[in-house]
Protein backbone atom coordinates (compact mmCIF):
# COMPACT_ATOMS: atom_id res chain seq x y z
CA UNK A 1 46.00 -46.56 3.74
CA UNK A 2 47.89 -47.93 7.01
CA UNK A 3 47.21 -45.08 8.88
CA UNK A 4 44.63 -42.50 9.80
CA UNK A 5 43.81 -39.76 12.42
CA UNK A 6 40.44 -38.33 13.39
CA UNK A 7 39.17 -35.48 16.12
CA UNK A 8 37.11 -36.43 18.95
CA UNK A 9 36.26 -34.72 22.19
CA UNK A 10 35.99 -35.90 25.95
CA UNK A 11 34.61 -34.31 28.72
CA UNK A 12 35.99 -33.73 32.47
CA UNK A 13 34.13 -32.02 35.03
CA UNK A 14 32.04 -29.18 32.75
CA UNK A 15 35.30 -28.62 30.61
CA UNK A 16 35.64 -30.10 27.35
CA UNK A 17 38.76 -31.45 25.66
CA UNK A 18 39.98 -31.77 22.16
CA UNK A 19 41.53 -35.53 21.43
CA UNK A 20 43.26 -36.81 18.44
CA UNK A 21 42.65 -40.51 18.14
CA UNK A 22 45.47 -42.18 15.53
CA UNK A 23 45.18 -45.23 14.15
CA UNK A 24 47.45 -47.82 12.36
CA UNK A 25 47.01 -51.13 10.87
CA UNK A 26 49.92 -53.55 9.44
CA UNK A 27 50.88 -56.24 9.17
CA UNK A 28 51.63 -58.79 11.81
CA UNK A 29 50.28 -60.54 14.71
CA UNK A 30 46.34 -59.94 14.79
CA UNK A 31 45.89 -57.89 18.00
CA UNK A 32 44.75 -54.54 19.17
CA UNK A 33 46.59 -52.17 20.99
CA UNK A 34 44.62 -49.10 22.69
CA UNK A 35 46.81 -46.82 24.38
CA UNK A 36 46.36 -43.44 26.33
CA UNK A 37 43.18 -44.56 27.65
CA UNK A 38 42.80 -46.05 31.57
CA UNK A 39 43.74 -49.94 31.74
CA UNK A 40 39.97 -50.54 33.36
CA UNK A 41 38.04 -49.19 30.24
CA UNK A 42 40.96 -50.69 27.74
CA UNK A 43 38.91 -54.25 27.30
CA UNK A 44 35.71 -52.56 27.59
CA UNK A 45 36.22 -50.47 24.88
CA UNK A 46 38.35 -52.88 22.48
CA UNK A 47 35.54 -55.54 22.57
CA UNK A 48 32.57 -53.14 22.34
CA UNK A 49 34.29 -51.50 18.97
CA UNK A 50 35.05 -55.05 17.58
CA UNK A 51 31.71 -56.36 18.24
CA UNK A 52 29.99 -52.98 16.55
CA UNK A 53 32.31 -53.03 13.50
CA UNK A 54 31.77 -56.89 12.89
CA UNK A 55 27.76 -56.77 13.28
CA UNK A 56 27.83 -53.58 11.10
CA UNK A 57 28.98 -55.76 7.95
CA UNK A 58 32.24 -54.48 7.90
CA UNK A 59 35.48 -56.91 8.13
CA UNK A 60 37.74 -56.83 11.08
CA UNK A 61 41.03 -55.67 9.77
CA UNK A 62 43.57 -58.33 9.44
CA UNK A 63 46.64 -57.30 11.09
CA UNK A 64 48.20 -55.66 14.14
CA UNK A 65 45.68 -52.49 15.08
CA UNK A 66 47.34 -50.02 16.76
CA UNK A 67 45.10 -47.12 18.49
CA UNK A 68 46.89 -44.33 20.20
CA UNK A 69 44.35 -41.65 21.71
CA UNK A 70 45.94 -38.32 22.28
CA UNK A 71 47.38 -36.04 25.13
CA UNK A 72 48.21 -38.93 26.73
CA UNK A 73 48.27 -37.30 30.28
CA UNK A 74 44.34 -36.39 30.04
CA UNK A 75 41.83 -38.64 31.77
CA UNK A 76 39.66 -40.20 29.27
CA UNK A 77 36.68 -41.45 31.06
CA UNK A 78 33.48 -42.92 29.51
CA UNK A 79 32.38 -44.47 25.83
CA UNK A 80 31.99 -41.22 24.37
CA UNK A 81 35.18 -42.09 21.97
CA UNK A 82 33.70 -45.25 20.74
CA UNK A 83 32.65 -44.02 17.59
CA UNK A 84 36.12 -41.93 16.63
CA UNK A 85 37.91 -45.03 17.35
CA UNK A 86 36.12 -47.19 15.28
CA UNK A 87 36.11 -45.16 12.47
CA UNK A 88 39.59 -44.16 12.50
CA UNK A 89 40.32 -48.13 12.17
CA UNK A 90 38.24 -48.69 9.35
CA UNK A 91 39.99 -45.58 7.61
CA UNK A 92 43.06 -47.12 8.37
CA UNK A 93 42.00 -50.38 7.00
CA UNK A 94 40.96 -48.37 3.84
CA UNK A 95 36.70 -48.66 4.21
CA UNK A 96 36.52 -44.88 4.58
CA UNK A 97 37.75 -41.90 2.71
CA UNK A 98 40.37 -39.98 4.64
CA UNK A 99 39.95 -36.97 3.41
CA UNK A 100 36.37 -36.71 4.80
CA UNK A 101 37.98 -36.95 7.89
CA UNK A 102 40.15 -34.01 8.20
CA UNK A 103 37.29 -30.86 9.21
CA UNK A 104 34.77 -33.15 11.29
CA UNK A 105 34.61 -34.51 14.71
CA UNK A 106 33.24 -37.79 15.44
CA UNK A 107 31.02 -38.33 18.91
CA UNK A 108 29.21 -40.99 20.09
CA UNK A 109 28.83 -44.63 22.09
CA UNK A 110 28.51 -47.66 20.51
CA UNK A 111 26.01 -50.39 20.93
CA UNK A 112 27.47 -53.71 20.09
CA UNK A 113 24.96 -54.09 17.27
CA UNK A 114 26.60 -50.96 15.93
CA UNK A 115 24.11 -48.12 16.83
CA UNK A 116 25.24 -44.66 18.01
CA UNK A 117 24.06 -43.84 21.27
CA UNK A 118 24.07 -40.39 22.72
CA UNK A 119 26.75 -39.37 24.90
CA UNK A 120 26.95 -37.22 28.44
CA UNK A 121 27.75 -33.80 28.30
CA UNK A 122 27.60 -33.55 24.99
CA UNK A 123 27.55 -29.68 25.21
CA UNK A 124 30.30 -29.07 27.02
CA UNK A 125 32.13 -31.62 23.90
CA UNK A 126 30.54 -29.51 21.63
CA UNK A 127 31.71 -26.29 22.43
CA UNK A 128 35.63 -27.49 23.24
CA UNK A 129 35.25 -28.36 19.41
CA UNK A 130 33.88 -24.80 18.09
CA UNK A 131 36.50 -22.99 20.27
CA UNK A 132 39.08 -25.30 18.33
CA UNK A 133 37.95 -24.47 14.82
CA UNK A 134 35.61 -27.51 14.22
CA UNK A 135 32.47 -26.77 12.88
CA UNK A 136 31.50 -30.36 11.63
CA UNK A 137 30.46 -32.79 13.54
CA UNK A 138 29.32 -36.42 13.46
CA UNK A 139 26.62 -37.02 15.89
CA UNK A 140 23.79 -39.90 16.88
CA UNK A 141 21.05 -38.71 15.26
CA UNK A 142 19.18 -38.39 18.64
CA UNK A 143 21.11 -35.72 19.88
CA UNK A 144 20.86 -33.55 16.88
CA UNK A 145 19.06 -31.46 18.81
CA UNK A 146 21.75 -30.68 21.03
CA UNK A 147 24.17 -29.57 18.09
CA UNK A 148 24.20 -26.21 19.12
CA UNK A 149 25.89 -24.05 16.54
CA UNK A 150 27.77 -27.19 15.09
CA UNK A 151 27.29 -28.77 11.80
CA UNK A 152 25.90 -31.97 12.43
CA UNK A 153 26.26 -35.19 10.29
CA UNK A 154 23.44 -37.51 12.08
CA UNK A 155 23.66 -41.22 12.14
CA UNK A 156 21.74 -43.68 13.59
CA UNK A 157 24.24 -46.04 13.49
CA UNK A 158 27.66 -47.16 12.18
CA UNK A 159 26.40 -48.33 8.88
CA UNK A 160 24.62 -45.38 8.37
CA UNK A 161 27.44 -43.24 9.52
CA UNK A 162 30.09 -44.98 7.22
CA UNK A 163 27.71 -44.61 4.47
CA UNK A 164 27.57 -40.95 4.68
CA UNK A 165 30.93 -40.33 5.05
CA UNK A 166 31.90 -42.80 2.04
CA UNK A 167 28.96 -40.82 -0.12
CA UNK A 168 30.03 -37.34 0.56
CA UNK A 169 26.79 -36.58 2.62
CA UNK A 170 27.21 -32.72 3.47
CA UNK A 171 27.11 -31.64 7.52
CA UNK A 172 23.98 -29.38 8.48
CA UNK A 173 23.20 -26.73 10.45
CA UNK A 174 20.21 -27.97 12.66
CA UNK A 175 17.26 -25.18 13.43
CA UNK A 176 17.91 -24.83 17.00
CA UNK A 177 16.09 -25.92 19.67
CA UNK A 178 13.83 -23.40 21.38
CA UNK A 179 13.50 -24.04 25.37
CA UNK A 180 9.91 -23.75 26.44
CA UNK A 181 9.61 -21.60 29.46
CA UNK A 182 8.37 -23.99 31.71
CA UNK A 183 9.41 -28.13 31.55
CA UNK A 184 6.31 -30.11 30.84
CA UNK A 185 6.32 -31.95 33.53
CA UNK A 186 7.04 -29.26 36.30
CA UNK A 187 3.84 -27.30 36.20
CA UNK A 188 3.59 -24.33 38.67
CA UNK A 189 2.52 -25.24 41.67
CA UNK A 190 0.22 -22.08 43.36
CA UNK A 191 0.91 -20.45 47.03
CA UNK A 192 -2.38 -19.59 47.19
CA UNK A 193 -2.89 -23.55 48.21
CA UNK A 194 -1.09 -23.17 51.40
CA UNK A 195 -3.16 -21.40 53.95
CA UNK A 196 -2.17 -19.45 56.75
CA UNK A 197 1.60 -19.59 57.87
CA UNK A 198 1.76 -15.58 56.86
CA UNK A 199 5.66 -15.47 58.20
CA UNK A 200 6.91 -18.20 56.43
CA UNK A 201 5.30 -16.64 53.44
CA UNK A 202 6.72 -13.59 54.17
CA UNK A 203 10.17 -15.37 54.87
CA UNK A 204 9.74 -17.19 51.50
CA UNK A 205 9.14 -14.08 49.26
CA UNK A 206 12.25 -12.28 51.26
CA UNK A 207 14.22 -14.98 50.59
CA UNK A 208 13.54 -15.60 46.95
CA UNK A 209 14.14 -11.66 46.61
CA UNK A 210 17.42 -11.64 47.82
CA UNK A 211 18.95 -15.12 47.35
CA UNK A 212 18.99 -15.56 51.01
CA UNK A 213 18.63 -19.16 52.63
CA UNK A 214 15.98 -20.18 54.65
CA UNK A 215 15.29 -22.20 57.70
CA UNK A 216 11.52 -23.44 58.26
CA UNK A 217 11.11 -25.22 61.82
CA UNK A 218 7.83 -26.60 62.99
CA UNK A 219 5.33 -29.56 62.30
CA UNK A 220 4.01 -27.56 59.31
CA UNK A 221 3.78 -27.74 55.36
CA UNK A 222 7.28 -27.39 54.87
CA UNK A 223 7.50 -29.30 51.88
CA UNK A 224 4.38 -27.27 50.15
CA UNK A 225 6.68 -23.86 50.58
CA UNK A 226 9.59 -25.66 49.13
CA UNK A 227 7.77 -26.96 46.27
CA UNK A 228 6.54 -23.29 45.25
CA UNK A 229 9.59 -21.38 45.50
CA UNK A 230 10.93 -22.02 42.44
CA UNK A 231 7.81 -20.48 41.09
CA UNK A 232 8.31 -17.12 42.81
CA UNK A 233 12.03 -16.99 41.61
CA UNK A 234 12.86 -15.25 38.45
CA UNK A 235 13.19 -17.55 35.50
CA UNK A 236 17.04 -18.66 34.41
CA UNK A 237 18.63 -16.08 31.78
CA UNK A 238 20.49 -17.36 28.85
CA UNK A 239 23.89 -17.54 30.63
CA UNK A 240 22.19 -19.56 33.65
CA UNK A 241 19.97 -21.67 31.21
CA UNK A 242 23.13 -22.79 29.46
CA UNK A 243 25.40 -23.62 32.54
CA UNK A 244 22.46 -25.61 33.95
CA UNK A 245 21.93 -27.75 30.79
CA UNK A 246 25.44 -28.70 30.86
CA UNK A 247 25.06 -29.80 34.26
CA UNK A 248 22.13 -32.11 33.41
CA UNK A 249 23.73 -33.07 30.35
CA UNK A 250 26.46 -34.99 32.79
CA UNK A 251 23.35 -37.13 33.98
CA UNK A 252 20.70 -39.07 31.88
CA UNK A 253 17.72 -36.25 32.26
CA UNK A 254 18.56 -33.47 30.15
CA UNK A 255 17.07 -30.20 31.37
CA UNK A 256 14.42 -28.73 29.99
CA UNK A 257 12.57 -25.22 30.80
CA UNK A 258 14.04 -21.75 32.21
CA UNK A 259 12.26 -22.27 35.72
CA UNK A 260 15.22 -22.84 38.17
CA UNK A 261 15.89 -26.13 39.26
CA UNK A 262 14.26 -27.60 42.85
CA UNK A 263 16.71 -30.91 44.19
CA UNK A 264 15.05 -32.48 47.43
CA UNK A 265 17.76 -35.63 48.19
CA UNK A 266 16.44 -37.44 51.07
CA UNK A 267 18.40 -38.04 54.23
CA UNK A 268 19.20 -41.37 53.74
CA UNK A 269 21.17 -40.58 50.29
CA UNK A 270 25.01 -41.17 50.77
CA UNK A 271 27.76 -38.49 50.48
CA UNK A 272 28.52 -39.53 47.17
CA UNK A 273 24.62 -38.56 46.07
CA UNK A 274 24.80 -35.07 47.87
CA UNK A 275 28.15 -33.74 46.55
CA UNK A 276 28.85 -36.09 43.37
CA UNK A 277 31.55 -38.74 42.61
CA UNK A 278 33.98 -39.88 40.11
CA UNK A 279 33.10 -43.11 37.82
CA UNK A 280 34.30 -44.87 35.28
CA UNK A 281 31.87 -43.40 32.73
CA UNK A 282 33.05 -39.43 34.00
CA UNK A 283 31.93 -37.17 36.22
CA UNK A 284 28.33 -37.89 37.93
CA UNK A 285 27.06 -34.25 39.74
CA UNK A 286 25.52 -34.80 42.97
CA UNK A 287 22.58 -32.65 44.05
CA UNK A 288 24.36 -29.60 45.02
CA UNK A 289 25.20 -29.45 41.50
CA UNK A 290 22.17 -30.19 40.25
CA UNK A 291 20.61 -27.37 42.55
CA UNK A 292 22.92 -25.08 40.88
CA UNK A 293 21.30 -21.74 40.51
CA UNK A 294 18.11 -23.08 41.99
CA UNK A 295 17.07 -24.50 45.12
CA UNK A 296 18.49 -27.29 47.45
CA UNK A 297 15.45 -28.53 49.98
CA UNK A 298 16.82 -30.70 52.84
CA UNK A 299 13.75 -31.93 54.82
CA UNK A 300 14.26 -32.98 58.02
CA UNK A 301 17.92 -31.39 57.71
CA UNK A 302 19.00 -32.94 60.94
CA UNK A 303 18.96 -36.40 60.42
CA UNK A 304 21.43 -35.75 57.47
CA UNK A 305 24.56 -37.27 58.17
CA UNK A 306 27.36 -35.22 60.21
CA UNK A 307 29.46 -35.24 57.18
CA UNK A 308 26.86 -33.94 54.80
CA UNK A 309 25.79 -30.87 56.86
CA UNK A 310 29.76 -30.02 57.47
CA UNK A 311 30.65 -30.45 54.00
CA UNK A 312 27.68 -28.18 52.92
CA UNK A 313 29.78 -25.41 54.43
CA UNK A 314 32.22 -25.38 51.26
CA UNK A 315 29.63 -25.17 48.20
CA UNK A 316 27.54 -22.25 50.39
CA UNK A 317 30.63 -20.28 50.40
CA UNK A 318 32.47 -20.97 47.22
CA UNK A 319 29.46 -21.88 44.61
CA UNK A 320 31.31 -24.83 43.81
CA UNK A 321 31.79 -28.21 44.46
CA UNK A 322 35.77 -30.19 44.81
CA UNK A 323 35.93 -33.74 43.80
CA UNK A 324 39.24 -35.64 44.38
CA UNK A 325 40.13 -38.70 43.02
CA UNK A 326 43.22 -40.73 41.81
CA UNK A 327 43.33 -38.71 38.61
CA UNK A 328 42.82 -35.64 40.05
CA UNK A 329 40.78 -33.12 41.51
CA UNK A 330 37.75 -31.48 39.83
CA UNK A 331 35.44 -28.71 40.40
CA UNK A 332 31.45 -28.47 39.52
CA UNK A 333 29.34 -25.29 39.87
CA UNK A 334 26.99 -25.51 43.26
CA UNK A 335 25.40 -21.94 44.22
CA UNK A 336 21.99 -22.79 45.20
CA UNK A 337 19.51 -21.01 47.76
CA UNK A 338 19.81 -23.39 50.67
CA UNK A 339 15.98 -24.45 52.62
CA UNK A 340 16.09 -26.36 55.32
CA UNK A 341 13.29 -27.87 57.33
CA UNK A 342 13.34 -29.15 60.91
CA UNK A 343 10.39 -30.47 63.61
CA UNK A 344 11.14 -29.45 66.73
CA UNK A 345 12.35 -32.43 68.13
CA UNK A 346 13.10 -36.13 66.42
CA UNK A 347 9.66 -37.76 67.12
CA UNK A 348 7.33 -38.51 64.03
CA UNK A 349 4.36 -37.99 65.62
CA UNK A 350 4.43 -34.53 67.69
CA UNK A 351 1.19 -35.70 69.41
CA UNK A 352 2.74 -38.40 71.44
CA UNK A 353 6.12 -36.85 71.47
CA UNK A 354 7.76 -36.88 75.26
CA UNK A 355 11.01 -34.83 74.25
CA UNK A 356 12.22 -32.63 76.99
CA UNK A 357 13.97 -29.43 76.30
CA UNK A 358 17.68 -31.01 76.58
CA UNK A 359 16.46 -33.52 73.86
CA UNK A 360 14.95 -30.69 71.71
CA UNK A 361 17.94 -28.56 71.85
CA UNK A 362 20.43 -31.51 71.22
CA UNK A 363 18.43 -32.07 67.92
CA UNK A 364 18.14 -28.64 66.83
CA UNK A 365 22.19 -28.15 67.18
CA UNK A 366 22.74 -30.84 64.56
CA UNK A 367 22.80 -28.23 62.39
CA UNK A 368 24.95 -25.89 64.07
CA UNK A 369 27.50 -26.40 61.09
CA UNK A 370 25.24 -24.26 58.74
CA UNK A 371 23.18 -22.12 61.80
CA UNK A 372 25.20 -18.67 60.64
CA UNK A 373 24.93 -19.30 57.03
CA UNK A 374 20.93 -19.07 56.94
CA UNK A 375 19.94 -15.81 57.11
CA UNK A 376 16.10 -16.31 57.38
CA UNK A 377 14.31 -18.62 60.23
CA UNK A 378 10.75 -18.69 60.29
CA UNK A 379 7.82 -20.89 62.18
CA UNK A 380 5.85 -22.87 60.38
CA UNK A 381 2.24 -24.52 61.73
CA UNK A 382 -0.31 -27.51 60.88
CA UNK A 383 -2.19 -26.42 58.13
CA UNK A 384 -6.11 -25.36 59.07
CA UNK A 385 -8.15 -24.52 55.81
CA UNK A 386 -11.28 -24.10 57.74
CA UNK A 387 -9.48 -21.02 59.61
CA UNK A 388 -6.68 -20.07 58.31
CA UNK A 389 -6.69 -17.08 56.04
CA UNK A 390 -5.93 -17.23 52.55
CA UNK A 391 -2.98 -16.42 50.92
CA UNK A 392 -1.59 -14.44 47.74
CA UNK A 393 -1.14 -16.61 44.57
CA UNK A 394 1.98 -16.92 43.03
CA UNK A 395 1.85 -14.32 40.35
CA UNK A 396 1.33 -12.20 42.85
CA UNK A 397 4.19 -12.62 44.83
CA UNK A 398 6.22 -13.28 41.73
CA UNK A 399 5.95 -9.69 40.50
CA UNK A 400 7.27 -8.23 43.47
CA UNK A 401 10.54 -10.66 43.47
CA UNK A 402 10.88 -9.60 40.30
CA UNK A 403 10.77 -5.82 40.76
CA UNK A 404 13.12 -6.65 43.95
CA UNK A 405 15.63 -8.16 42.00
CA UNK A 406 15.59 -5.82 39.19
CA UNK A 407 16.37 -2.88 41.66
CA UNK A 408 18.90 -4.70 43.35
CA UNK A 409 20.62 -5.43 39.65
CA UNK A 410 20.06 -2.27 38.85
CA UNK A 411 21.93 -0.91 42.40
CA UNK A 412 24.69 -3.71 41.77
CA UNK A 413 25.42 -2.93 38.02
CA UNK A 414 29.08 -2.89 37.47
CA UNK A 415 30.02 -5.44 39.83
CA UNK A 416 30.11 -9.00 39.62
CA UNK A 417 26.91 -9.59 42.49
CA UNK A 418 23.60 -10.01 41.13
CA UNK A 419 21.52 -10.57 44.32
CA UNK A 420 22.07 -9.26 47.94
CA UNK A 421 22.66 -12.30 49.35
CA UNK A 422 26.16 -11.99 46.99
CA UNK A 423 27.22 -8.77 48.44
CA UNK A 424 30.83 -9.29 50.46
CA UNK A 425 31.00 -7.56 54.15
CA UNK A 426 33.45 -5.00 52.96
CA UNK A 427 30.88 -3.54 50.27
CA UNK A 428 28.37 -3.60 52.93
CA UNK A 429 30.77 -1.15 55.34
CA UNK A 430 31.82 0.91 52.11
CA UNK A 431 29.13 1.58 49.12
CA UNK A 432 26.43 -0.13 50.84
CA UNK A 433 26.95 1.40 54.19
CA UNK A 434 23.79 2.12 55.99
CA UNK A 435 22.62 5.36 57.86
CA UNK A 436 23.65 5.34 61.74
CA UNK A 437 20.71 5.08 62.49
CA UNK A 438 19.95 1.94 61.01
CA UNK A 439 22.00 0.26 63.16
CA UNK A 440 20.51 0.91 66.33
CA UNK A 441 18.35 -2.71 66.41
CA UNK A 442 21.63 -4.52 66.34
CA UNK A 443 23.58 -2.54 68.95
CA UNK A 444 22.43 -4.49 72.18
CA UNK A 445 22.39 -7.48 70.66
CA UNK A 446 25.71 -7.68 69.06
CA UNK A 447 27.42 -6.03 72.27
CA UNK A 448 25.76 -8.97 74.62
CA UNK A 449 26.76 -11.49 72.21
CA UNK A 450 23.36 -12.58 71.14
CA UNK A 451 24.60 -12.04 67.52
CA UNK A 452 27.85 -12.40 65.55
CA UNK A 453 29.38 -10.00 63.59
CA UNK A 454 29.14 -12.61 60.72
CA UNK A 455 25.48 -12.50 61.67
CA UNK A 456 25.31 -8.48 61.48
CA UNK A 457 26.91 -9.01 57.62
CA UNK A 458 23.98 -11.41 56.77
CA UNK A 459 21.59 -8.65 58.57
CA UNK A 460 22.23 -5.93 57.16
CA UNK A 461 21.87 -8.26 53.26
CA UNK A 462 18.54 -8.80 54.71
CA UNK A 463 17.78 -5.55 55.40
CA UNK A 464 18.80 -4.38 51.76
CA UNK A 465 16.80 -6.94 50.40
CA UNK A 466 13.65 -5.58 52.65
CA UNK A 467 14.11 -1.95 51.22
CA UNK A 468 14.38 -3.46 47.67
CA UNK A 469 11.32 -4.85 48.57
CA UNK A 470 9.33 -1.75 49.55
CA UNK A 471 10.75 0.19 46.55
CA UNK A 472 13.10 2.23 49.00
CA UNK A 473 16.13 3.73 48.13
CA UNK A 474 18.15 2.62 51.22
CA UNK A 475 17.10 0.68 54.47
CA UNK A 476 15.54 2.15 57.75
CA UNK A 477 15.62 1.29 61.23
CA UNK A 478 12.57 -0.68 60.54
CA UNK A 479 14.02 -2.68 57.67
CA UNK A 480 17.11 -3.84 60.16
CA UNK A 481 14.64 -4.84 63.17
CA UNK A 482 12.64 -6.38 60.46
CA UNK A 483 15.84 -8.36 59.27
CA UNK A 484 17.08 -9.24 63.06
CA UNK A 485 13.52 -10.81 63.58
CA UNK A 486 13.73 -12.78 60.27
CA UNK A 487 17.25 -13.68 61.50
CA UNK A 488 16.35 -14.92 65.01
CA UNK A 489 12.82 -16.66 63.88
CA UNK A 490 10.69 -14.17 65.73
CA UNK A 491 6.97 -13.09 64.06
CA UNK A 492 7.83 -9.56 62.28
């Protein structure tokens, strides 16, 4: 046999695409021609596959080898096609029975010694294969738990895979891995460990109940509060867990558990680390995507580059991030709750601070691009464990948050929104319109210019969340008044 074709898949963004790999071996000047791969990756792929075949004990075909990867116009990054290319070449040379290739797809990276290594984005690739009608997939044995609904033909090396194909070993459906409730390395942090700061604790609860964004300002335990926010948020549902798992499959750290992710990049990180980037191995998600369905925490927020603070506006408004390079524009999910923390001034030692009002205002004005998108502002003060009153534990607050979210979800049944923070301005003026007297606290600041119409929309969303926390049918004047104070950062 001088011709063989196998099926594989590539991942572009979070979308899997089925590809066909054709191989032909014919007499002629010895050489390998790879067609359909990016030019920069052709020499690497050719040398890696050749070394893997030879080190696995199989002869390299003598003649001219042509490998064609279809469709031609699709960008194909990474090394996920290594196994498929090697199998196609060996089948064209007569080493592998061609009849075993028709209903099986091949995914995996090859080491120089012929070992099959896991690939990034495997769940996305498998979803594309299943959608196209292919249910049997040859995978590295280390990836068998990610097989999902597919029938798996696991192998630890190229030699192992070829022997299984030659002997006719059947593909098997693995037992689904049941996700644990919490990741083993992510213990629940208790809010009771943060005494005092009642205003910040109340803001954190409202933030969690309605899906709102939060700004903590002052010299207090901002990081401790941020680390405890995922503990009071409801766990990921099946759809959210699947999407978060797919995003993390593009990294070297698979996602475990149903707790919502918390991503806290340092302000020295580059824009590529925050928003994501294209690499020769494919798309790498940044912090905004790794925080999808969870929390993005930016400590010392004014220290981030202005380009990063400006760039956050797009994912906050749309719930996704768009990444462009020479190959095109790709999008990744990026719908998160933003939690910012800032000191009053750039001084690292508050007791030695000599900053005046102008320096303090200039420092906080660095957050101007995001300020109107932050619904809640709360002060934080240094911990004083001797005099501060103890706070409620995480379990108690989480119950109230879950009940408030359930009320909002019931009210929003039949709509594309799940939390109060998602309700658009038009709906707040129609089906979710407040009673006339509930608007009274907003009249004076709106007409005086203290708040903008956009701010009114966010305050009304907060009022609905406060009503849900009280188990009330609709917000009252008191809810609107407290929402205004939360927006302005005043004690409630």
